[in-house]
């Protein structure tokens, strides 16, 4: 869960396009959690 739990701040970039928020969350999740499920969970949480 580490990539997901630290991805909320990406979602606070309210002036950004949701696609950029998702991309940033995915890229930063890949820095420690390589499994697609972990990266996608982080991106989904940032979008929520």
ModelCIF file with pLDDT and N, C-alpha, C, O atoms, coordinates in Angstrom:
data_MODEL
#
_entry.id   MODEL 
#
_entity.id                         1 
_entity.type                       polymer 
_entity.pdbx_number_of_molecules   1 
#
_entity_poly.entity_id                      1 
_entity_poly.type                           'polypeptide(L)' 
_entity_poly.nstd_linkage                   no 
_entity_poly.nstd_monomer                   no 
_entity_poly.pdbx_seq_one_letter_code       
;(UNK)(UNK)(UNK)(UNK)(UNK)(UNK)(UNK)(UNK)(UNK)(UNK)(UNK)(UNK)(UNK)(UNK)(UNK)(UNK)
(UNK)(UNK)(UNK)(UNK)(UNK)(UNK)(UNK)(UNK)(UNK)(UNK)(UNK)(UNK)(UNK)(UNK)(UNK)(UNK)
(UNK)(UNK)(UNK)(UNK)(UNK)(UNK)(UNK)(UNK)(UNK)(UNK)(UNK)(UNK)(UNK)(UNK)(UNK)(UNK)
;
_entity_poly.pdbx_seq_one_letter_code_can   XXXXXXXXXXXXXXXXXXXXXXXXXXXXXXXXXXXXXXXXXXXXXXXX 
_entity_poly.pdbx_strand_id                 A 
#
loop_
_entity_poly_seq.entity_id 
_entity_poly_seq.num 
_entity_poly_seq.mon_id 
_entity_poly_seq.hetero 
1 1  UNK n 
1 2  UNK n 
1 3  UNK n 
1 4  UNK n 
1 5  UNK n 
1 6  UNK n 
1 7  UNK n 
1 8  UNK n 
1 9  UNK n 
1 10 UNK n 
1 11 UNK n 
1 12 UNK n 
1 13 UNK n 
1 14 UNK n 
1 15 UNK n 
1 16 UNK n 
1 17 UNK n 
1 18 UNK n 
1 19 UNK n 
1 20 UNK n 
1 21 UNK n 
1 22 UNK n 
1 23 UNK n 
1 24 UNK n 
1 25 UNK n 
1 26 UNK n 
1 27 UNK n 
1 28 UNK n 
1 29 UNK n 
1 30 UNK n 
1 31 UNK n 
1 32 UNK n 
1 33 UNK n 
1 34 UNK n 
1 35 UNK n 
1 36 UNK n 
1 37 UNK n 
1 38 UNK n 
1 39 UNK n 
1 40 UNK n 
1 41 UNK n 
1 42 UNK n 
1 43 UNK n 
1 44 UNK n 
1 45 UNK n 
1 46 UNK n 
1 47 UNK n 
1 48 UNK n 
#
_struct_asym.id          A 
_struct_asym.entity_id   1 
#
loop_
_ma_qa_metric.id 
_ma_qa_metric.mode 
_ma_qa_metric.name 
_ma_qa_metric.software_group_id 
_ma_qa_metric.type 
1 global pLDDT . pLDDT 
2 local  pLDDT . pLDDT 
#
_ma_qa_metric_global.metric_id      1 
_ma_qa_metric_global.metric_value   96.33 
_ma_qa_metric_global.model_id       1 
_ma_qa_metric_global.ordinal_id     1 
#
loop_
_ma_qa_metric_local.label_asym_id 
_ma_qa_metric_local.label_comp_id 
_ma_qa_metric_local.label_seq_id 
_ma_qa_metric_local.metric_id 
_ma_qa_metric_local.metric_value 
_ma_qa_metric_local.model_id 
_ma_qa_metric_local.ordinal_id 
A UNK 1  2 92.00 1 1  
A UNK 2  2 92.00 1 2  
A UNK 3  2 95.00 1 3  
A UNK 4  2 94.00 1 4  
A UNK 5  2 92.00 1 5  
A UNK 6  2 96.00 1 6  
A UNK 7  2 97.00 1 7  
A UNK 8  2 97.00 1 8  
A UNK 9  2 97.00 1 9  
A UNK 10 2 98.00 1 10 
A UNK 11 2 97.00 1 11 
A UNK 12 2 96.00 1 12 
A UNK 13 2 95.00 1 13 
A UNK 14 2 93.00 1 14 
A UNK 15 2 92.00 1 15 
A UNK 16 2 93.00 1 16 
A UNK 17 2 96.00 1 17 
A UNK 18 2 97.00 1 18 
A UNK 19 2 97.00 1 19 
A UNK 20 2 96.00 1 20 
A UNK 21 2 97.00 1 21 
A UNK 22 2 98.00 1 22 
A UNK 23 2 97.00 1 23 
A UNK 24 2 97.00 1 24 
A UNK 25 2 98.00 1 25 
A UNK 26 2 98.00 1 26 
A UNK 27 2 97.00 1 27 
A UNK 28 2 97.00 1 28 
A UNK 29 2 97.00 1 29 
A UNK 30 2 97.00 1 30 
A UNK 31 2 97.00 1 31 
A UNK 32 2 96.00 1 32 
A UNK 33 2 97.00 1 33 
A UNK 34 2 95.00 1 34 
A UNK 35 2 97.00 1 35 
A UNK 36 2 97.00 1 36 
A UNK 37 2 97.00 1 37 
A UNK 38 2 97.00 1 38 
A UNK 39 2 97.00 1 39 
A UNK 40 2 97.00 1 40 
A UNK 41 2 97.00 1 41 
A UNK 42 2 98.00 1 42 
A UNK 43 2 98.00 1 43 
A UNK 44 2 98.00 1 44 
A UNK 45 2 98.00 1 45 
A UNK 46 2 98.00 1 46 
A UNK 47 2 98.00 1 47 
A UNK 48 2 97.00 1 48 
#
loop_
_atom_site.group_PDB 
_atom_site.id 
_atom_site.type_symbol 
_atom_site.label_atom_id 
_atom_site.label_alt_id 
_atom_site.label_comp_id 
_atom_site.label_asym_id 
_atom_site.label_entity_id 
_atom_site.label_seq_id 
_atom_site.pdbx_PDB_ins_code 
_atom_site.Cartn_x 
_atom_site.Cartn_y 
_atom_site.Cartn_z 
_atom_site.occupancy 
_atom_site.B_iso_or_equiv 
_atom_site.pdbx_formal_charge 
_atom_site.auth_seq_id 
_atom_site.auth_comp_id 
_atom_site.auth_asym_id 
_atom_site.auth_atom_id 
_atom_site.pdbx_PDB_model_num 
ATOM 1   N N  . UNK A 1 1  ? 0.782   -1.233 0.000   1.00 92.00 ? 1  UNK A N  1 
ATOM 2   C CA . UNK A 1 1  ? 0.000   0.000  0.000   1.00 92.00 ? 1  UNK A CA 1 
ATOM 3   C C  . UNK A 1 1  ? 0.817   1.288  0.000   1.00 92.00 ? 1  UNK A C  1 
ATOM 4   O O  . UNK A 1 1  ? 0.235   2.370  -0.081  1.00 92.00 ? 1  UNK A O  1 
ATOM 5   N N  . UNK A 1 2  ? 2.139   1.210  0.088   1.00 92.00 ? 2  UNK A N  1 
ATOM 6   C CA . UNK A 1 2  ? 2.955   2.411  0.240   1.00 92.00 ? 2  UNK A CA 1 
ATOM 7   C C  . UNK A 1 2  ? 2.785   3.433  -0.872  1.00 92.00 ? 2  UNK A C  1 
ATOM 8   O O  . UNK A 1 2  ? 2.736   4.631  -0.590  1.00 92.00 ? 2  UNK A O  1 
ATOM 9   N N  . UNK A 1 3  ? 2.695   3.009  -2.111  1.00 95.00 ? 3  UNK A N  1 
ATOM 10  C CA . UNK A 1 3  ? 2.535   3.951  -3.224  1.00 95.00 ? 3  UNK A CA 1 
ATOM 11  C C  . UNK A 1 3  ? 1.174   4.623  -3.172  1.00 95.00 ? 3  UNK A C  1 
ATOM 12  O O  . UNK A 1 3  ? 1.050   5.809  -3.479  1.00 95.00 ? 3  UNK A O  1 
ATOM 13  N N  . UNK A 1 4  ? 0.163   3.874  -2.788  1.00 94.00 ? 4  UNK A N  1 
ATOM 14  C CA . UNK A 1 4  ? -1.186  4.436  -2.695  1.00 94.00 ? 4  UNK A CA 1 
ATOM 15  C C  . UNK A 1 4  ? -1.277  5.464  -1.578  1.00 94.00 ? 4  UNK A C  1 
ATOM 16  O O  . UNK A 1 4  ? -1.833  6.544  -1.774  1.00 94.00 ? 4  UNK A O  1 
ATOM 17  N N  . UNK A 1 5  ? -0.737  5.140  -0.411  1.00 92.00 ? 5  UNK A N  1 
ATOM 18  C CA . UNK A 1 5  ? -0.924  6.019  0.741   1.00 92.00 ? 5  UNK A CA 1 
ATOM 19  C C  . UNK A 1 5  ? -0.215  7.356  0.594   1.00 92.00 ? 5  UNK A C  1 
ATOM 20  O O  . UNK A 1 5  ? -0.597  8.325  1.249   1.00 92.00 ? 5  UNK A O  1 
ATOM 21  N N  . UNK A 1 6  ? 0.801   7.431  -0.245  1.00 96.00 ? 6  UNK A N  1 
ATOM 22  C CA . UNK A 1 6  ? 1.491   8.708  -0.428  1.00 96.00 ? 6  UNK A CA 1 
ATOM 23  C C  . UNK A 1 6  ? 1.029   9.445  -1.681  1.00 96.00 ? 6  UNK A C  1 
ATOM 24  O O  . UNK A 1 6  ? 1.615   10.468 -2.036  1.00 96.00 ? 6  UNK A O  1 
ATOM 25  N N  . UNK A 1 7  ? -0.013  8.951  -2.365  1.00 97.00 ? 7  UNK A N  1 
ATOM 26  C CA . UNK A 1 7  ? -0.432  9.563  -3.631  1.00 97.00 ? 7  UNK A CA 1 
ATOM 27  C C  . UNK A 1 7  ? -1.517  10.632 -3.477  1.00 97.00 ? 7  UNK A C  1 
ATOM 28  O O  . UNK A 1 7  ? -1.827  11.318 -4.451  1.00 97.00 ? 7  UNK A O  1 
ATOM 29  N N  . UNK A 1 8  ? -2.093  10.793 -2.310  1.00 97.00 ? 8  UNK A N  1 
ATOM 30  C CA . UNK A 1 8  ? -3.135  11.815 -2.123  1.00 97.00 ? 8  UNK A CA 1 
ATOM 31  C C  . UNK A 1 8  ? -2.656  13.220 -2.491  1.00 97.00 ? 8  UNK A C  1 
ATOM 32  O O  . UNK A 1 8  ? -3.414  13.955 -3.124  1.00 97.00 ? 8  UNK A O  1 
ATOM 33  N N  . UNK A 1 9  ? -1.428  13.635 -2.125  1.00 97.00 ? 9  UNK A N  1 
ATOM 34  C CA . UNK A 1 9  ? -1.005  14.991 -2.489  1.00 97.00 ? 9  UNK A CA 1 
ATOM 35  C C  . UNK A 1 9  ? -1.047  15.287 -3.979  1.00 97.00 ? 9  UNK A C  1 
ATOM 36  O O  . UNK A 1 9  ? -1.258  16.437 -4.366  1.00 97.00 ? 9  UNK A O  1 
ATOM 37  N N  . UNK A 1 10 ? -0.853  14.279 -4.829  1.00 98.00 ? 10 UNK A N  1 
ATOM 38  C CA . UNK A 1 10 ? -0.940  14.525 -6.274  1.00 98.00 ? 10 UNK A CA 1 
ATOM 39  C C  . UNK A 1 10 ? -2.344  14.994 -6.654  1.00 98.00 ? 10 UNK A C  1 
ATOM 40  O O  . UNK A 1 10 ? -2.510  15.828 -7.544  1.00 98.00 ? 10 UNK A O  1 
ATOM 41  N N  . UNK A 1 11 ? -3.339  14.457 -5.978  1.00 97.00 ? 11 UNK A N  1 
ATOM 42  C CA . UNK A 1 11 ? -4.715  14.834 -6.252  1.00 97.00 ? 11 UNK A CA 1 
ATOM 43  C C  . UNK A 1 11 ? -5.044  16.263 -5.864  1.00 97.00 ? 11 UNK A C  1 
ATOM 44  O O  . UNK A 1 11 ? -6.042  16.818 -6.323  1.00 97.00 ? 11 UNK A O  1 
ATOM 45  N N  . UNK A 1 12 ? -4.217  16.860 -5.025  1.00 96.00 ? 12 UNK A N  1 
ATOM 46  C CA . UNK A 1 12 ? -4.460  18.238 -4.601  1.00 96.00 ? 12 UNK A CA 1 
ATOM 47  C C  . UNK A 1 12 ? -3.979  19.264 -5.623  1.00 96.00 ? 12 UNK A C  1 
ATOM 48  O O  . UNK A 1 12 ? -4.118  20.467 -5.403  1.00 96.00 ? 12 UNK A O  1 
ATOM 49  N N  . UNK A 1 13 ? -3.431  18.812 -6.709  1.00 95.00 ? 13 UNK A N  1 
ATOM 50  C CA . UNK A 1 13 ? -3.003  19.707 -7.789  1.00 95.00 ? 13 UNK A CA 1 
ATOM 51  C C  . UNK A 1 13 ? -4.219  20.055 -8.634  1.00 95.00 ? 13 UNK A C  1 
ATOM 52  O O  . UNK A 1 13 ? -4.326  19.653 -9.792  1.00 95.00 ? 13 UNK A O  1 
ATOM 53  N N  . UNK A 1 14 ? -5.135  20.811 -8.033  1.00 93.00 ? 14 UNK A N  1 
ATOM 54  C CA . UNK A 1 14 ? -6.451  21.033 -8.643  1.00 93.00 ? 14 UNK A CA 1 
ATOM 55  C C  . UNK A 1 14 ? -6.394  21.821 -9.942  1.00 93.00 ? 14 UNK A C  1 
ATOM 56  O O  . UNK A 1 14 ? -7.319  21.724 -10.748 1.00 93.00 ? 14 UNK A O  1 
ATOM 57  N N  . UNK A 1 15 ? -5.358  22.586 -10.168 1.00 92.00 ? 15 UNK A N  1 
ATOM 58  C CA . UNK A 1 15 ? -5.237  23.325 -11.413 1.00 92.00 ? 15 UNK A CA 1 
ATOM 59  C C  . UNK A 1 15 ? -4.747  22.471 -12.566 1.00 92.00 ? 15 UNK A C  1 
ATOM 60  O O  . UNK A 1 15 ? -4.718  22.924 -13.710 1.00 92.00 ? 15 UNK A O  1 
ATOM 61  N N  . UNK A 1 16 ? -4.369  21.257 -12.276 1.00 93.00 ? 16 UNK A N  1 
ATOM 62  C CA . UNK A 1 16 ? -3.828  20.365 -13.296 1.00 93.00 ? 16 UNK A CA 1 
ATOM 63  C C  . UNK A 1 16 ? -4.928  19.563 -13.958 1.00 93.00 ? 16 UNK A C  1 
ATOM 64  O O  . UNK A 1 16 ? -5.979  19.309 -13.369 1.00 93.00 ? 16 UNK A O  1 
ATOM 65  N N  . UNK A 1 17 ? -4.668  19.173 -15.182 1.00 96.00 ? 17 UNK A N  1 
ATOM 66  C CA . UNK A 1 17 ? -5.541  18.266 -15.906 1.00 96.00 ? 17 UNK A CA 1 
ATOM 67  C C  . UNK A 1 17 ? -5.501  16.900 -15.207 1.00 96.00 ? 17 UNK A C  1 
ATOM 68  O O  . UNK A 1 17 ? -4.429  16.469 -14.781 1.00 96.00 ? 17 UNK A O  1 
ATOM 69  N N  . UNK A 1 18 ? -6.636  16.214 -15.079 1.00 97.00 ? 18 UNK A N  1 
ATOM 70  C CA . UNK A 1 18 ? -6.630  14.902 -14.420 1.00 97.00 ? 18 UNK A CA 1 
ATOM 71  C C  . UNK A 1 18 ? -5.650  13.906 -15.047 1.00 97.00 ? 18 UNK A C  1 
ATOM 72  O O  . UNK A 1 18 ? -5.086  13.069 -14.342 1.00 97.00 ? 18 UNK A O  1 
ATOM 73  N N  . UNK A 1 19 ? -5.445  13.989 -16.353 1.00 97.00 ? 19 UNK A N  1 
ATOM 74  C CA . UNK A 1 19 ? -4.496  13.094 -17.000 1.00 97.00 ? 19 UNK A CA 1 
ATOM 75  C C  . UNK A 1 19 ? -3.074  13.309 -16.503 1.00 97.00 ? 19 UNK A C  1 
ATOM 76  O O  . UNK A 1 19 ? -2.317  12.349 -16.355 1.00 97.00 ? 19 UNK A O  1 
ATOM 77  N N  . UNK A 1 20 ? -2.704  14.567 -16.244 1.00 96.00 ? 20 UNK A N  1 
ATOM 78  C CA . UNK A 1 20 ? -1.366  14.854 -15.713 1.00 96.00 ? 20 UNK A CA 1 
ATOM 79  C C  . UNK A 1 20 ? -1.238  14.375 -14.276 1.00 96.00 ? 20 UNK A C  1 
ATOM 80  O O  . UNK A 1 20 ? -0.185  13.876 -13.881 1.00 96.00 ? 20 UNK A O  1 
ATOM 81  N N  . UNK A 1 21 ? -2.305  14.524 -13.487 1.00 97.00 ? 21 UNK A N  1 
ATOM 82  C CA . UNK A 1 21 ? -2.297  14.032 -12.107 1.00 97.00 ? 21 UNK A CA 1 
ATOM 83  C C  . UNK A 1 21 ? -2.088  12.523 -12.107 1.00 97.00 ? 21 UNK A C  1 
ATOM 84  O O  . UNK A 1 21 ? -1.276  12.001 -11.342 1.00 97.00 ? 21 UNK A O  1 
ATOM 85  N N  . UNK A 1 22 ? -2.818  11.832 -12.962 1.00 98.00 ? 22 UNK A N  1 
ATOM 86  C CA . UNK A 1 22 ? -2.684  10.386 -13.071 1.00 98.00 ? 22 UNK A CA 1 
ATOM 87  C C  . UNK A 1 22 ? -1.264  9.998  -13.480 1.00 98.00 ? 22 UNK A C  1 
ATOM 88  O O  . UNK A 1 22 ? -0.661  9.114  -12.872 1.00 98.00 ? 22 UNK A O  1 
ATOM 89  N N  . UNK A 1 23 ? -0.737  10.649 -14.498 1.00 97.00 ? 23 UNK A N  1 
ATOM 90  C CA . UNK A 1 23 ? 0.614   10.348 -14.986 1.00 97.00 ? 23 UNK A CA 1 
ATOM 91  C C  . UNK A 1 23 ? 1.650   10.531 -13.881 1.00 97.00 ? 23 UNK A C  1 
ATOM 92  O O  . UNK A 1 23 ? 2.523   9.682  -13.702 1.00 97.00 ? 23 UNK A O  1 
ATOM 93  N N  . UNK A 1 24 ? 1.556   11.632 -13.141 1.00 97.00 ? 24 UNK A N  1 
ATOM 94  C CA . UNK A 1 24 ? 2.517   11.895 -12.076 1.00 97.00 ? 24 UNK A CA 1 
ATOM 95  C C  . UNK A 1 24 ? 2.416   10.847 -10.969 1.00 97.00 ? 24 UNK A C  1 
ATOM 96  O O  . UNK A 1 24 ? 3.437   10.363 -10.482 1.00 97.00 ? 24 UNK A O  1 
ATOM 97  N N  . UNK A 1 25 ? 1.208   10.495 -10.574 1.00 98.00 ? 25 UNK A N  1 
ATOM 98  C CA . UNK A 1 25 ? 1.030   9.474  -9.536  1.00 98.00 ? 25 UNK A CA 1 
ATOM 99  C C  . UNK A 1 25 ? 1.598   8.132  -9.989  1.00 98.00 ? 25 UNK A C  1 
ATOM 100 O O  . UNK A 1 25 ? 2.244   7.437  -9.205  1.00 98.00 ? 25 UNK A O  1 
ATOM 101 N N  . UNK A 1 26 ? 1.365   7.766  -11.240 1.00 98.00 ? 26 UNK A N  1 
ATOM 102 C CA . UNK A 1 26 ? 1.897   6.501  -11.763 1.00 98.00 ? 26 UNK A CA 1 
ATOM 103 C C  . UNK A 1 26 ? 3.422   6.507  -11.795 1.00 98.00 ? 26 UNK A C  1 
ATOM 104 O O  . UNK A 1 26 ? 4.064   5.534  -11.400 1.00 98.00 ? 26 UNK A O  1 
ATOM 105 N N  . UNK A 1 27 ? 3.999   7.620  -12.270 1.00 97.00 ? 27 UNK A N  1 
ATOM 106 C CA . UNK A 1 27 ? 5.459   7.703  -12.359 1.00 97.00 ? 27 UNK A CA 1 
ATOM 107 C C  . UNK A 1 27 ? 6.107   7.658  -10.985 1.00 97.00 ? 27 UNK A C  1 
ATOM 108 O O  . UNK A 1 27 ? 7.144   7.018  -10.812 1.00 97.00 ? 27 UNK A O  1 
ATOM 109 N N  . UNK A 1 28 ? 5.516   8.321  -10.013 1.00 97.00 ? 28 UNK A N  1 
ATOM 110 C CA . UNK A 1 28 ? 6.109   8.335  -8.677  1.00 97.00 ? 28 UNK A CA 1 
ATOM 111 C C  . UNK A 1 28 ? 5.880   7.021  -7.941  1.00 97.00 ? 28 UNK A C  1 
ATOM 112 O O  . UNK A 1 28 ? 6.699   6.635  -7.107  1.00 97.00 ? 28 UNK A O  1 
ATOM 113 N N  . UNK A 1 29 ? 4.793   6.333  -8.228  1.00 97.00 ? 29 UNK A N  1 
ATOM 114 C CA . UNK A 1 29 ? 4.574   5.013  -7.639  1.00 97.00 ? 29 UNK A CA 1 
ATOM 115 C C  . UNK A 1 29 ? 5.626   4.031  -8.132  1.00 97.00 ? 29 UNK A C  1 
ATOM 116 O O  . UNK A 1 29 ? 6.079   3.174  -7.373  1.00 97.00 ? 29 UNK A O  1 
ATOM 117 N N  . UNK A 1 30 ? 6.020   4.147  -9.408  1.00 97.00 ? 30 UNK A N  1 
ATOM 118 C CA . UNK A 1 30 ? 7.004   3.238  -10.002 1.00 97.00 ? 30 UNK A CA 1 
ATOM 119 C C  . UNK A 1 30 ? 8.375   3.367  -9.353  1.00 97.00 ? 30 UNK A C  1 
ATOM 120 O O  . UNK A 1 30 ? 9.242   2.519  -9.565  1.00 97.00 ? 30 UNK A O  1 
ATOM 121 N N  . UNK A 1 31 ? 8.580   4.410  -8.571  1.00 97.00 ? 31 UNK A N  1 
ATOM 122 C CA . UNK A 1 31 ? 9.869   4.602  -7.912  1.00 97.00 ? 31 UNK A CA 1 
ATOM 123 C C  . UNK A 1 31 ? 10.099  3.614  -6.777  1.00 97.00 ? 31 UNK A C  1 
ATOM 124 O O  . UNK A 1 31 ? 11.232  3.423  -6.335  1.00 97.00 ? 31 UNK A O  1 
ATOM 125 N N  . UNK A 1 32 ? 9.010   2.977  -6.297  1.00 96.00 ? 32 UNK A N  1 
ATOM 126 C CA . UNK A 1 32 ? 9.174   2.017  -5.207  1.00 96.00 ? 32 UNK A CA 1 
ATOM 127 C C  . UNK A 1 32 ? 8.299   0.771  -5.361  1.00 96.00 ? 32 UNK A C  1 
ATOM 128 O O  . UNK A 1 32 ? 8.612   -0.272 -4.786  1.00 96.00 ? 32 UNK A O  1 
ATOM 129 N N  . UNK A 1 33 ? 7.222   0.863  -6.119  1.00 97.00 ? 33 UNK A N  1 
ATOM 130 C CA . UNK A 1 33 ? 6.267   -0.230 -6.256  1.00 97.00 ? 33 UNK A CA 1 
ATOM 131 C C  . UNK A 1 33 ? 6.043   -0.519 -7.736  1.00 97.00 ? 33 UNK A C  1 
ATOM 132 O O  . UNK A 1 33 ? 5.319   0.206  -8.419  1.00 97.00 ? 33 UNK A O  1 
ATOM 133 N N  . UNK A 1 34 ? 6.671   -1.584 -8.220  1.00 95.00 ? 34 UNK A N  1 
ATOM 134 C CA . UNK A 1 34 ? 6.639   -1.859 -9.643  1.00 95.00 ? 34 UNK A CA 1 
ATOM 135 C C  . UNK A 1 34 ? 5.439   -2.624 -10.150 1.00 95.00 ? 34 UNK A C  1 
ATOM 136 O O  . UNK A 1 34 ? 5.173   -2.609 -11.352 1.00 95.00 ? 34 UNK A O  1 
ATOM 137 N N  . UNK A 1 35 ? 4.709   -3.290 -9.284  1.00 97.00 ? 35 UNK A N  1 
ATOM 138 C CA . UNK A 1 35 ? 3.569   -4.087 -9.743  1.00 97.00 ? 35 UNK A CA 1 
ATOM 139 C C  . UNK A 1 35 ? 2.488   -3.158 -10.298 1.00 97.00 ? 35 UNK A C  1 
ATOM 140 O O  . UNK A 1 35 ? 2.189   -2.130 -9.691  1.00 97.00 ? 35 UNK A O  1 
ATOM 141 N N  . UNK A 1 36 ? 1.899   -3.509 -11.447 1.00 97.00 ? 36 UNK A N  1 
ATOM 142 C CA . UNK A 1 36 ? 0.855   -2.662 -12.033 1.00 97.00 ? 36 UNK A CA 1 
ATOM 143 C C  . UNK A 1 36 ? -0.309  -2.368 -11.072 1.00 97.00 ? 36 UNK A C  1 
ATOM 144 O O  . UNK A 1 36 ? -0.863  -1.269 -11.095 1.00 97.00 ? 36 UNK A O  1 
ATOM 145 N N  . UNK A 1 37 ? -0.679  -3.334 -10.236 1.00 97.00 ? 37 UNK A N  1 
ATOM 146 C CA . UNK A 1 37 ? -1.785  -3.105 -9.300  1.00 97.00 ? 37 UNK A CA 1 
ATOM 147 C C  . UNK A 1 37 ? -1.463  -1.983 -8.329  1.00 97.00 ? 37 UNK A C  1 
ATOM 148 O O  . UNK A 1 37 ? -2.338  -1.176 -8.014  1.00 97.00 ? 37 UNK A O  1 
ATOM 149 N N  . UNK A 1 38 ? -0.231  -1.910 -7.847  1.00 97.00 ? 38 UNK A N  1 
ATOM 150 C CA . UNK A 1 38 ? 0.167   -0.856 -6.910  1.00 97.00 ? 38 UNK A CA 1 
ATOM 151 C C  . UNK A 1 38 ? 0.186   0.498  -7.610  1.00 97.00 ? 38 UNK A C  1 
ATOM 152 O O  . UNK A 1 38 ? -0.290  1.493  -7.063  1.00 97.00 ? 38 UNK A O  1 
ATOM 153 N N  . UNK A 1 39 ? 0.733   0.534  -8.809  1.00 97.00 ? 39 UNK A N  1 
ATOM 154 C CA . UNK A 1 39 ? 0.800   1.800  -9.547  1.00 97.00 ? 39 UNK A CA 1 
ATOM 155 C C  . UNK A 1 39 ? -0.591  2.307  -9.899  1.00 97.00 ? 39 UNK A C  1 
ATOM 156 O O  . UNK A 1 39 ? -0.881  3.492  -9.741  1.00 97.00 ? 39 UNK A O  1 
ATOM 157 N N  . UNK A 1 40 ? -1.452  1.411  -10.376 1.00 97.00 ? 40 UNK A N  1 
ATOM 158 C CA . UNK A 1 40 ? -2.807  1.821  -10.758 1.00 97.00 ? 40 UNK A CA 1 
ATOM 159 C C  . UNK A 1 40 ? -3.635  2.250  -9.548  1.00 97.00 ? 40 UNK A C  1 
ATOM 160 O O  . UNK A 1 40 ? -4.444  3.172  -9.647  1.00 97.00 ? 40 UNK A O  1 
ATOM 161 N N  . UNK A 1 41 ? -3.438  1.587  -8.408  1.00 97.00 ? 41 UNK A N  1 
ATOM 162 C CA . UNK A 1 41 ? -4.145  1.997  -7.191  1.00 97.00 ? 41 UNK A CA 1 
ATOM 163 C C  . UNK A 1 41 ? -3.720  3.399  -6.774  1.00 97.00 ? 41 UNK A C  1 
ATOM 164 O O  . UNK A 1 41 ? -4.552  4.212  -6.371  1.00 97.00 ? 41 UNK A O  1 
ATOM 165 N N  . UNK A 1 42 ? -2.428  3.681  -6.872  1.00 98.00 ? 42 UNK A N  1 
ATOM 166 C CA . UNK A 1 42 ? -1.935  5.019  -6.536  1.00 98.00 ? 42 UNK A CA 1 
ATOM 167 C C  . UNK A 1 42 ? -2.527  6.064  -7.473  1.00 98.00 ? 42 UNK A C  1 
ATOM 168 O O  . UNK A 1 42 ? -2.940  7.137  -7.034  1.00 98.00 ? 42 UNK A O  1 
ATOM 169 N N  . UNK A 1 43 ? -2.567  5.749  -8.766  1.00 98.00 ? 43 UNK A N  1 
ATOM 170 C CA . UNK A 1 43 ? -3.138  6.684  -9.731  1.00 98.00 ? 43 UNK A CA 1 
ATOM 171 C C  . UNK A 1 43 ? -4.621  6.902  -9.517  1.00 98.00 ? 43 UNK A C  1 
ATOM 172 O O  . UNK A 1 43 ? -5.106  8.031  -9.599  1.00 98.00 ? 43 UNK A O  1 
ATOM 173 N N  . UNK A 1 44 ? -5.347  5.822  -9.241  1.00 98.00 ? 44 UNK A N  1 
ATOM 174 C CA . UNK A 1 44 ? -6.793  5.940  -9.006  1.00 98.00 ? 44 UNK A CA 1 
ATOM 175 C C  . UNK A 1 44 ? -7.075  6.772  -7.769  1.00 98.00 ? 44 UNK A C  1 
ATOM 176 O O  . UNK A 1 44 ? -7.987  7.600  -7.769  1.00 98.00 ? 44 UNK A O  1 
ATOM 177 N N  . UNK A 1 45 ? -6.296  6.558  -6.710  1.00 98.00 ? 45 UNK A N  1 
ATOM 178 C CA . UNK A 1 45 ? -6.512  7.318  -5.478  1.00 98.00 ? 45 UNK A CA 1 
ATOM 179 C C  . UNK A 1 45 ? -6.224  8.804  -5.695  1.00 98.00 ? 45 UNK A C  1 
ATOM 180 O O  . UNK A 1 45 ? -6.962  9.661  -5.206  1.00 98.00 ? 45 UNK A O  1 
ATOM 181 N N  . UNK A 1 46 ? -5.147  9.109  -6.431  1.00 98.00 ? 46 UNK A N  1 
ATOM 182 C CA . UNK A 1 46 ? -4.834  10.502 -6.746  1.00 98.00 ? 46 UNK A CA 1 
ATOM 183 C C  . UNK A 1 46 ? -5.981  11.147 -7.522  1.00 98.00 ? 46 UNK A C  1 
ATOM 184 O O  . UNK A 1 46 ? -6.323  12.304 -7.280  1.00 98.00 ? 46 UNK A O  1 
ATOM 185 N N  . UNK A 1 47 ? -6.577  10.397 -8.458  1.00 98.00 ? 47 UNK A N  1 
ATOM 186 C CA . UNK A 1 47 ? -7.711  10.934 -9.222  1.00 98.00 ? 47 UNK A CA 1 
ATOM 187 C C  . UNK A 1 47 ? -8.947  11.136 -8.353  1.00 98.00 ? 47 UNK A C  1 
ATOM 188 O O  . UNK A 1 47 ? -9.681  12.106 -8.541  1.00 98.00 ? 47 UNK A O  1 
ATOM 189 N N  . UNK A 1 48 ? -9.184  10.236 -7.408  1.00 97.00 ? 48 UNK A N  1 
ATOM 190 C CA . UNK A 1 48 ? -10.317 10.416 -6.483  1.00 97.00 ? 48 UNK A CA 1 
ATOM 191 C C  . UNK A 1 48 ? -10.136 11.669 -5.645  1.00 97.00 ? 48 UNK A C  1 
ATOM 192 O O  . UNK A 1 48 ? -10.987 11.983 -4.813  1.00 97.00 ? 48 UNK A O  1 
#
